[in-house]
Amino acid sequence: MSVRIVLGAQFGDEAKGKIADFLAASARHVVRSAGGPNTGHTIVLPEGPVVLHQLACGVLRHGVTGISGPGMVLQPFKLEEEIQGLKDRGLLRGEIVLSDRAHVLLPIHEVEDAWQDDLRARQRPEASLGTTKSGIGPAYADRASRFGIRLAELSRPAVLRERLELLYATKTHLAGLPSIDELAARLSEVGGRLAPFIRPTEPLLWDAIARGENVLLEGAQSALLDLDFGTYPYVTSSHPTSAGALVGSGIPPTELDSVVGVAKSYCTRVGAGPFPTEEAGERGEYLRRVGGERGATTGRPRRCGWLDLVLLRYVARLNGLTSLAITKVDVLGGLPEVPVAVAYRMPDGSTLRDGPPTHADELAAAEPVYEQRPGWPEFHERLKERIRREGAAALPAELRRYLAFIEDEVGVPVEYVGYGAHRDETVWLGPPGTRRRPVAIAAWNG
């Protein structure tokens, strides 16, 4: 039995969904623990690409249960469309379970999200966060303020009406909201259709662990967007860390076996916020074009740059990473050299190696110190076929040295490598063994 967490180790869009789907092949339960329709986990199946927004990737595999956990905020109307879309394509192969404790994200939250970001932009243009306008922040804010509505309450009309009236009393600043009668009726109807999927999920997981079944916790967003430990205020509204995955699933920390951090061989970011290694010119456009870097949820072009080991070391310590999955190595194939940021030079002349400054404006002022690593050959189809046949031994020697460099710098072994978009284009490098810690970590001075 194992309980494993897969989480993003950068600013998001690291191909977490691809790695989670790869590991779901040996899991009995896959749990999404946070976030909502602001995420887009893309998985390329033989039948074509699938983008999951609110469902765990386990629903794509026979014999696996995909759980949308209690830490999520679920938009029920979009969720129903997502489920029906999988059914129409014949891709709903696993079981769907929705936590009765998950909170409901309402259309009024989407309106409020847009209103809030517009308010920031009008007050100070650079203060706009560039959110997905999915309503995530307002939904989590209502949850924390105890105005929220949970999935379990969709089947209790009197309670639902009472909660809606209380919630609407806090939204008088918003124009164009649907009437309470209209929204209550729609929620009751969709709640009835989703009812077969809604149940308590913590006992289900506790019993699965007791039976020795494998459980995979699938992170949404990424550690550098954590509400407390990310690049605040340019963050999400939940906790996409290993600790957050446990809270958002109801699994106690004593049951956890391993934490896999997913990072691209380069780096991207969507929306506003500091990005020290960003390439705004031709090289950034090259990464965007070759890597297909557009948001799966919004379609927005991603900002692109180079691998940042300062941030990766920080994420490794924060989350207790036991191994890394390095993805999209094929995108860099054919480059003569690959820059990697190994430190920051700060405006006061100091150098940072093991973590970012606390303040976003200070991180934005950091100057990356790059080390140039030798590139590796292009990933043509013959090379990919050889890797499928021979495994990790077929990876180019220059790439293996790049991965070893990451291991030595971060102190965490690389266990998985993604070398293409398709489900089968991931290779396991072997068991990580004893966790490797950095040889020397400077005192924290954040």
Protein backbone atom coordinates (compact mmCIF):
# COMPACT_ATOMS: atom_id res chain seq x y z
CA MET A 1 0.00 0.00 0.00
CA SER A 2 1.15 3.54 -0.68
CA VAL A 3 -0.24 7.03 -0.28
CA ARG A 4 1.49 9.34 -2.73
CA ILE A 5 1.10 13.03 -3.55
CA VAL A 6 1.81 14.53 -6.97
CA LEU A 7 2.11 18.31 -6.91
CA GLY A 8 3.34 21.13 -9.10
CA ALA A 9 6.80 22.41 -8.17
CA GLN A 10 6.77 25.64 -10.19
CA PHE A 11 4.07 28.19 -11.14
CA GLY A 12 1.70 25.64 -12.66
CA ASP A 13 1.23 23.90 -16.02
CA GLU A 14 4.09 21.46 -15.37
CA ALA A 15 2.15 18.49 -16.85
CA LYS A 16 0.95 17.35 -13.43
CA GLY A 17 -2.07 15.74 -15.05
CA LYS A 18 0.16 13.65 -17.31
CA ILE A 19 2.28 12.41 -14.39
CA ALA A 20 -0.76 11.81 -12.18
CA ASP A 21 -2.40 9.80 -14.97
CA PHE A 22 0.81 7.77 -15.41
CA LEU A 23 0.85 6.93 -11.69
CA ALA A 24 -2.90 6.30 -11.60
CA ALA A 25 -2.25 3.08 -13.49
CA SER A 26 -1.12 1.53 -10.19
CA ALA A 27 -3.61 3.33 -7.92
CA ARG A 28 -7.06 2.32 -6.74
CA HIS A 29 -8.16 5.84 -5.77
CA VAL A 30 -7.07 9.22 -7.17
CA VAL A 31 -8.06 12.32 -5.18
CA ARG A 32 -8.17 15.96 -6.29
CA SER A 33 -7.71 17.89 -3.06
CA ALA A 34 -8.02 21.60 -3.94
CA GLY A 35 -9.01 24.09 -6.60
CA GLY A 36 -11.92 23.93 -9.00
CA PRO A 37 -12.72 24.83 -12.61
CA ASN A 38 -9.69 27.12 -12.82
CA THR A 39 -7.47 24.13 -13.56
CA GLY A 40 -6.99 22.19 -16.76
CA HIS A 41 -5.16 18.87 -16.54
CA THR A 42 -4.46 17.73 -20.09
CA ILE A 43 -4.01 14.01 -20.75
CA VAL A 44 -3.35 12.80 -24.30
CA LEU A 45 -5.03 9.42 -24.75
CA PRO A 46 -4.98 7.27 -27.90
CA GLU A 47 -8.50 8.62 -28.53
CA GLY A 48 -7.25 12.21 -28.36
CA PRO A 49 -6.57 14.84 -25.70
CA VAL A 50 -8.77 15.15 -22.62
CA VAL A 51 -8.81 18.20 -20.36
CA LEU A 52 -10.08 17.57 -16.83
CA HIS A 53 -11.12 20.60 -14.82
CA GLN A 54 -12.93 19.32 -11.72
CA LEU A 55 -12.55 15.55 -11.92
CA ALA A 56 -9.57 13.52 -10.77
CA CYS A 57 -7.70 11.69 -13.52
CA GLY A 58 -8.66 8.32 -12.05
CA VAL A 59 -11.98 8.53 -13.89
CA LEU A 60 -10.11 7.79 -17.13
CA ARG A 61 -8.92 4.34 -15.98
CA HIS A 62 -10.91 1.14 -15.47
CA GLY A 63 -11.07 0.01 -11.86
CA VAL A 64 -9.98 3.36 -10.44
CA THR A 65 -12.09 5.77 -8.41
CA GLY A 66 -11.64 9.47 -9.10
CA ILE A 67 -12.54 11.55 -6.06
CA SER A 68 -13.18 15.29 -6.05
CA GLY A 69 -12.23 15.92 -2.45
CA PRO A 70 -13.51 18.07 0.41
CA GLY A 71 -10.89 20.75 -0.18
CA MET A 72 -12.29 21.61 -3.63
CA VAL A 73 -14.77 24.27 -4.73
CA LEU A 74 -16.97 22.71 -7.40
CA GLN A 75 -19.06 24.51 -10.01
CA PRO A 76 -21.93 21.98 -10.35
CA PHE A 77 -23.24 23.10 -13.76
CA LYS A 78 -19.81 22.95 -15.39
CA LEU A 79 -19.06 19.72 -13.53
CA GLU A 80 -22.16 18.09 -15.00
CA GLU A 81 -21.03 19.18 -18.49
CA GLU A 82 -17.58 17.70 -17.85
CA ILE A 83 -19.04 14.37 -16.81
CA GLN A 84 -21.38 14.27 -19.81
CA GLY A 85 -18.52 15.16 -22.15
CA LEU A 86 -16.53 12.13 -20.98
CA LYS A 87 -19.59 9.89 -21.33
CA ASP A 88 -20.24 11.13 -24.87
CA ARG A 89 -16.66 10.25 -25.86
CA GLY A 90 -16.75 6.88 -24.13
CA LEU A 91 -13.88 7.90 -21.86
CA LEU A 92 -15.58 7.69 -18.46
CA ARG A 93 -14.00 4.41 -17.39
CA GLY A 94 -13.52 4.79 -13.65
CA GLU A 95 -15.91 5.66 -10.85
CA ILE A 96 -16.76 9.27 -9.94
CA VAL A 97 -17.12 10.25 -6.29
CA LEU A 98 -17.76 13.83 -5.13
CA SER A 99 -17.15 14.80 -1.51
CA ASP A 100 -20.27 15.96 0.28
CA ARG A 101 -18.02 18.44 2.13
CA ALA A 102 -16.74 20.14 -1.04
CA HIS A 103 -18.04 23.69 -1.40
CA VAL A 104 -20.23 24.88 -4.23
CA LEU A 105 -18.84 27.52 -6.57
CA LEU A 106 -21.75 29.56 -7.87
CA PRO A 107 -22.23 31.77 -10.94
CA ILE A 108 -22.33 34.74 -8.56
CA HIS A 109 -18.75 33.90 -7.54
CA GLU A 110 -17.67 34.19 -11.17
CA VAL A 111 -19.30 37.62 -11.38
CA GLU A 112 -17.59 38.67 -8.16
CA ASP A 113 -14.20 37.39 -9.35
CA ALA A 114 -14.37 39.60 -12.45
CA TRP A 115 -15.58 42.55 -10.35
CA GLN A 116 -12.68 42.17 -7.91
CA ASP A 117 -10.00 41.99 -10.59
CA ASP A 118 -11.53 44.98 -12.38
CA LEU A 119 -11.45 46.88 -9.08
CA ARG A 120 -7.76 46.09 -8.63
CA ALA A 121 -6.97 47.20 -12.17
CA ARG A 122 -8.91 50.46 -11.80
CA GLN A 123 -7.17 51.28 -8.53
CA ARG A 124 -3.72 50.37 -9.85
CA PRO A 125 -3.26 48.65 -13.23
CA GLU A 126 -0.25 46.62 -12.09
CA ALA A 127 -2.32 45.22 -9.20
CA SER A 128 -4.42 43.06 -11.52
CA LEU A 129 -3.78 39.40 -10.71
CA GLY A 130 -4.79 38.01 -14.08
CA THR A 131 -7.07 35.36 -12.56
CA THR A 132 -9.05 32.90 -14.67
CA LYS A 133 -12.29 34.67 -13.56
CA SER A 134 -13.57 31.24 -12.52
CA GLY A 135 -14.82 32.44 -9.15
CA ILE A 136 -12.22 30.52 -7.14
CA GLY A 137 -11.17 33.35 -4.81
CA PRO A 138 -14.69 34.48 -3.86
CA ALA A 139 -15.81 30.87 -3.34
CA TYR A 140 -12.92 30.14 -0.98
CA ALA A 141 -13.47 33.49 0.75
CA ASP A 142 -17.12 32.59 1.41
CA ARG A 143 -16.03 29.19 2.70
CA ALA A 144 -13.62 30.81 5.15
CA SER A 145 -16.24 33.40 6.18
CA ARG A 146 -18.78 30.60 6.79
CA PHE A 147 -21.17 31.86 4.15
CA GLY A 148 -20.47 28.92 1.85
CA ILE A 149 -22.73 26.15 0.58
CA ARG A 150 -21.56 22.54 0.45
CA LEU A 151 -22.55 19.80 -1.99
CA ALA A 152 -24.41 17.99 0.78
CA GLU A 153 -26.80 20.93 1.08
CA LEU A 154 -27.99 20.74 -2.52
CA SER A 155 -30.37 17.95 -1.46
CA ARG A 156 -31.80 19.98 1.46
CA PRO A 157 -34.06 22.66 -0.09
CA ALA A 158 -34.83 24.58 3.10
CA VAL A 159 -31.17 24.74 4.15
CA LEU A 160 -30.11 25.65 0.61
CA ARG A 161 -32.59 28.53 0.46
CA GLU A 162 -31.51 29.80 3.86
CA ARG A 163 -27.83 29.70 2.90
CA LEU A 164 -28.47 31.43 -0.42
CA GLU A 165 -30.39 34.28 1.24
CA LEU A 166 -27.54 34.79 3.69
CA LEU A 167 -24.96 34.67 0.88
CA TYR A 168 -26.88 37.14 -1.31
CA ALA A 169 -26.97 39.58 1.61
CA THR A 170 -23.17 39.81 1.30
CA LYS A 171 -23.26 40.48 -2.48
CA THR A 172 -25.33 43.65 -2.69
CA HIS A 173 -22.42 45.41 -4.39
CA LEU A 174 -22.77 43.16 -7.44
CA ALA A 175 -25.10 43.90 -10.34
CA GLY A 176 -26.86 41.50 -12.66
CA LEU A 177 -27.10 38.48 -10.34
CA PRO A 178 -29.77 35.85 -10.98
CA SER A 179 -32.72 35.83 -8.61
CA ILE A 180 -32.50 33.63 -5.55
CA ASP A 181 -35.55 31.69 -6.73
CA GLU A 182 -33.96 30.98 -10.10
CA LEU A 183 -30.60 29.91 -8.65
CA ALA A 184 -32.17 27.79 -5.88
CA ALA A 185 -34.25 25.92 -8.46
CA ARG A 186 -31.27 25.31 -10.74
CA LEU A 187 -29.11 24.13 -7.83
CA SER A 188 -31.79 21.73 -6.60
CA GLU A 189 -32.14 20.27 -10.07
CA VAL A 190 -28.42 19.81 -10.70
CA GLY A 191 -27.99 18.53 -7.15
CA GLY A 192 -30.53 15.81 -7.85
CA ARG A 193 -28.67 14.74 -10.99
CA LEU A 194 -25.29 14.74 -9.20
CA ALA A 195 -26.66 13.01 -6.08
CA PRO A 196 -25.54 9.48 -7.13
CA PHE A 197 -21.93 10.70 -7.02
CA ILE A 198 -22.06 12.65 -3.74
CA ARG A 199 -21.00 10.90 -0.53
CA PRO A 200 -18.60 11.18 2.43
CA THR A 201 -15.12 10.51 1.05
CA GLU A 202 -12.93 10.40 4.17
CA PRO A 203 -14.27 7.00 5.37
CA LEU A 204 -13.90 5.65 1.84
CA LEU A 205 -10.21 6.60 1.82
CA TRP A 206 -9.53 5.47 5.37
CA ASP A 207 -11.04 2.05 4.57
CA ALA A 208 -9.05 1.84 1.31
CA ILE A 209 -5.80 2.52 3.20
CA ALA A 210 -6.73 -0.08 5.82
CA ARG A 211 -7.21 -2.63 3.01
CA GLY A 212 -3.77 -1.84 1.61
CA GLU A 213 -4.97 -0.11 -1.57
CA ASN A 214 -2.87 2.53 -3.32
CA VAL A 215 -4.08 6.13 -3.05
CA LEU A 216 -2.80 8.99 -5.20
CA LEU A 217 -3.42 12.64 -4.28
CA GLU A 218 -3.45 14.78 -7.42
CA GLY A 219 -2.47 18.41 -6.86
CA ALA A 220 -4.00 21.33 -8.71
CA GLN A 221 -2.17 24.61 -9.33
CA SER A 222 1.33 24.52 -7.83
CA ALA A 223 3.34 25.14 -4.70
CA LEU A 224 4.55 28.60 -5.74
CA LEU A 225 0.90 29.66 -5.99
CA ASP A 226 0.13 28.59 -2.43
CA LEU A 227 -1.89 31.16 -0.51
CA ASP A 228 0.66 31.34 2.31
CA PHE A 229 3.95 30.24 0.76
CA GLY A 230 3.63 31.38 -2.85
CA THR A 231 4.33 34.71 -4.53
CA TYR A 232 1.56 36.54 -2.65
CA PRO A 233 -0.68 38.24 -3.75
CA TYR A 234 -0.12 36.59 -7.15
CA VAL A 235 -1.33 33.24 -5.88
CA THR A 236 -4.37 30.98 -5.86
CA SER A 237 -6.85 30.81 -2.96
CA SER A 238 -6.07 27.32 -1.68
CA HIS A 239 -3.06 25.29 -0.55
CA PRO A 240 -1.50 23.31 -3.45
CA THR A 241 1.25 21.96 -1.17
CA SER A 242 1.73 18.49 0.29
CA ALA A 243 0.24 19.64 3.60
CA GLY A 244 -2.70 21.12 1.73
CA ALA A 245 -3.29 17.85 -0.12
CA LEU A 246 -3.65 16.03 3.18
CA VAL A 247 -6.05 18.61 4.61
CA GLY A 248 -8.03 18.68 1.36
CA SER A 249 -8.47 14.91 1.29
CA GLY A 250 -8.90 14.01 4.95
CA ILE A 251 -5.90 11.65 4.97
CA PRO A 252 -3.72 11.93 8.09
CA PRO A 253 -0.02 12.74 7.59
CA THR A 254 1.06 9.47 9.24
CA GLU A 255 -0.25 7.59 6.19
CA LEU A 256 1.85 9.49 3.64
CA ASP A 257 4.62 7.56 1.87
CA SER A 258 6.00 9.83 -0.86
CA VAL A 259 5.69 13.25 -2.48
CA VAL A 260 6.51 13.71 -6.18
CA GLY A 261 7.18 17.26 -7.36
CA VAL A 262 6.56 17.92 -11.05
CA ALA A 263 8.72 20.50 -12.84
CA LYS A 264 9.28 21.28 -16.50
CA SER A 265 12.81 21.23 -17.84
CA TYR A 266 12.19 24.96 -18.26
CA CYS A 267 9.53 27.13 -16.57
CA THR A 268 6.26 28.91 -17.40
CA ARG A 269 3.77 31.15 -15.68
CA VAL A 270 0.24 32.31 -16.55
CA GLY A 271 -1.12 35.64 -15.36
CA ALA A 272 0.63 38.34 -13.40
CA GLY A 273 3.37 37.96 -10.81
CA PRO A 274 7.16 37.85 -10.52
CA PHE A 275 9.01 35.44 -12.80
CA PRO A 276 12.80 35.89 -12.45
CA THR A 277 13.86 33.62 -15.33
CA GLU A 278 11.27 34.86 -17.83
CA GLU A 279 12.45 35.26 -21.43
CA ALA A 280 10.44 38.02 -23.09
CA GLY A 281 12.17 37.88 -26.48
CA GLU A 282 12.78 35.34 -29.23
CA ARG A 283 13.92 32.56 -26.91
CA GLY A 284 10.76 32.88 -24.84
CA GLU A 285 8.65 32.78 -27.99
CA TYR A 286 10.58 29.66 -29.10
CA LEU A 287 9.70 27.88 -25.83
CA ARG A 288 6.07 28.97 -26.16
CA ARG A 289 5.78 27.78 -29.74
CA VAL A 290 7.62 24.46 -29.46
CA GLY A 291 6.13 23.67 -26.04
CA GLY A 292 2.58 24.57 -27.07
CA GLU A 293 2.40 26.86 -24.07
CA ARG A 294 -1.18 28.03 -23.84
CA GLY A 295 -3.47 27.62 -20.85
CA ALA A 296 -5.73 24.57 -21.05
CA THR A 297 -8.53 26.44 -19.24
CA THR A 298 -8.22 29.97 -20.62
CA GLY A 299 -6.20 29.54 -23.82
CA ARG A 300 -3.96 32.41 -22.70
CA PRO A 301 -0.32 32.27 -23.86
CA ARG A 302 2.01 31.32 -21.03
CA ARG A 303 5.03 33.37 -20.09
CA CYS A 304 8.13 31.24 -20.65
CA GLY A 305 11.61 31.11 -19.15
CA TRP A 306 14.31 28.83 -17.81
CA LEU A 307 14.47 26.32 -14.98
CA ASP A 308 14.84 28.10 -11.62
CA LEU A 309 16.69 25.99 -9.05
CA VAL A 310 16.35 28.63 -6.32
CA LEU A 311 12.60 28.17 -6.37
CA LEU A 312 12.84 24.41 -6.86
CA ARG A 313 15.05 24.03 -3.77
CA TYR A 314 12.49 26.04 -1.78
CA VAL A 315 9.59 23.90 -3.02
CA ALA A 316 11.52 20.71 -2.23
CA ARG A 317 12.00 21.76 1.39
CA LEU A 318 8.50 23.16 1.82
CA ASN A 319 6.79 20.00 0.59
CA GLY A 320 9.20 17.30 1.68
CA LEU A 321 9.69 16.10 -1.89
CA THR A 322 10.93 12.52 -2.07
CA SER A 323 11.41 12.60 -5.84
CA LEU A 324 11.00 14.77 -8.93
CA ALA A 325 9.29 14.30 -12.26
CA ILE A 326 10.95 16.43 -14.96
CA THR A 327 8.66 16.94 -17.95
CA LYS A 328 8.79 18.32 -21.49
CA VAL A 329 12.49 17.56 -21.96
CA ASP A 330 11.70 17.10 -25.65
CA VAL A 331 10.93 20.82 -25.97
CA LEU A 332 14.58 21.70 -25.27
CA GLY A 333 15.93 18.96 -27.53
CA GLY A 334 18.27 20.36 -30.18
CA LEU A 335 19.34 23.47 -28.26
CA PRO A 336 23.14 23.79 -28.06
CA GLU A 337 22.98 25.04 -24.46
CA VAL A 338 20.31 25.19 -21.76
CA PRO A 339 20.47 28.02 -19.18
CA VAL A 340 19.62 27.10 -15.59
CA ALA A 341 19.27 29.65 -12.78
CA VAL A 342 21.36 28.47 -9.80
CA ALA A 343 21.16 31.63 -7.65
CA TYR A 344 19.78 35.19 -7.46
CA ARG A 345 21.80 38.36 -7.27
CA MET A 346 19.81 40.92 -5.27
CA PRO A 347 19.93 44.72 -5.66
CA ASP A 348 21.80 45.08 -2.35
CA GLY A 349 24.59 42.83 -3.65
CA SER A 350 23.59 39.74 -1.68
CA THR A 351 23.11 36.31 -3.23
CA LEU A 352 20.22 33.92 -2.62
CA ARG A 353 20.36 30.20 -3.42
CA ASP A 354 17.91 28.30 -1.26
CA GLY A 355 14.68 30.23 -1.47
CA PRO A 356 13.00 33.43 -2.68
CA PRO A 357 12.49 36.64 -0.74
CA THR A 358 9.10 36.95 0.92
CA HIS A 359 7.91 40.01 -0.98
CA ALA A 360 6.82 39.74 -4.59
CA ASP A 361 8.45 43.03 -5.57
CA GLU A 362 11.79 41.83 -4.18
CA LEU A 363 11.52 38.60 -6.14
CA ALA A 364 10.74 40.63 -9.27
CA ALA A 365 13.97 42.57 -8.70
CA ALA A 366 16.12 39.43 -8.40
CA GLU A 367 18.68 38.89 -11.16
CA PRO A 368 19.13 35.20 -12.04
CA VAL A 369 22.65 33.80 -12.01
CA TYR A 370 22.73 31.27 -14.84
CA GLU A 371 24.83 28.20 -15.44
CA GLN A 372 24.89 27.00 -19.03
CA ARG A 373 24.35 23.25 -19.38
CA PRO A 374 25.08 21.28 -22.56
CA GLY A 375 22.00 20.58 -24.65
CA TRP A 376 20.79 17.19 -25.88
CA PRO A 377 19.58 15.84 -29.23
CA GLU A 378 16.11 16.37 -30.65
CA PHE A 379 13.47 13.85 -29.61
CA HIS A 380 12.60 12.43 -33.01
CA GLU A 381 10.22 9.50 -33.25
CA ARG A 382 13.04 6.93 -33.51
CA LEU A 383 14.45 8.08 -30.18
CA LYS A 384 11.01 8.02 -28.55
CA GLU A 385 10.41 4.50 -29.81
CA ARG A 386 13.76 3.39 -28.44
CA ILE A 387 12.91 4.84 -25.01
CA ARG A 388 9.56 3.01 -25.04
CA ARG A 389 11.42 -0.19 -25.83
CA GLU A 390 14.55 0.15 -23.67
CA GLY A 391 13.44 2.52 -20.90
CA ALA A 392 15.61 5.13 -19.18
CA ALA A 393 18.85 3.69 -20.55
CA ALA A 394 17.91 5.11 -23.96
CA LEU A 395 17.75 8.70 -22.76
CA PRO A 396 20.52 10.82 -24.34
CA ALA A 397 23.67 10.99 -22.20
CA GLU A 398 23.58 14.81 -22.19
CA LEU A 399 20.03 14.75 -20.82
CA ARG A 400 20.99 12.25 -18.13
CA ARG A 401 23.77 14.61 -17.06
CA TYR A 402 21.24 17.48 -16.96
CA LEU A 403 18.99 15.42 -14.69
CA ALA A 404 21.93 14.48 -12.46
CA PHE A 405 22.80 18.18 -12.21
CA ILE A 406 19.26 18.93 -10.99
CA GLU A 407 19.50 16.12 -8.44
CA ASP A 408 22.80 17.38 -7.08
CA GLU A 409 21.61 20.98 -6.89
CA VAL A 410 18.20 20.30 -5.35
CA GLY A 411 19.07 17.25 -3.27
CA VAL A 412 16.09 15.25 -4.52
CA PRO A 413 16.32 12.34 -6.99
CA VAL A 414 14.62 12.51 -10.39
CA GLU A 415 12.30 9.51 -10.64
CA TYR A 416 10.24 10.22 -13.78
CA VAL A 417 10.91 11.96 -17.09
CA GLY A 418 8.25 13.13 -19.51
CA TYR A 419 9.51 13.32 -23.11
CA GLY A 420 6.30 14.00 -25.05
CA ALA A 421 2.62 14.82 -24.67
CA HIS A 422 1.17 11.32 -25.02
CA ARG A 423 0.25 9.09 -22.11
CA ASP A 424 2.98 6.56 -22.90
CA GLU A 425 5.75 9.17 -23.26
CA THR A 426 6.85 9.03 -19.64
CA VAL A 427 9.73 6.91 -18.39
CA TRP A 428 10.50 5.69 -14.88
CA LEU A 429 14.16 5.98 -13.92
CA GLY A 430 13.96 3.48 -11.07
CA PRO A 431 13.30 3.69 -7.33
CA PRO A 432 14.58 6.92 -5.76
CA GLY A 433 16.03 5.12 -2.76
CA THR A 434 16.93 7.10 0.30
CA ARG A 435 15.95 10.72 0.04
CA ARG A 436 18.88 12.92 -0.92
CA ARG A 437 19.14 16.21 0.94
CA PRO A 438 21.20 19.18 -0.20
CA VAL A 439 24.73 18.93 1.11
CA ALA A 440 24.69 22.48 2.46
CA ILE A 441 21.70 24.78 2.83
CA ALA A 442 22.24 28.35 3.90
CA ALA A 443 20.37 29.78 6.87
CA TRP A 444 16.95 31.06 5.85
CA ASN A 445 16.94 34.81 5.33
CA GLY A 446 13.56 35.38 3.68
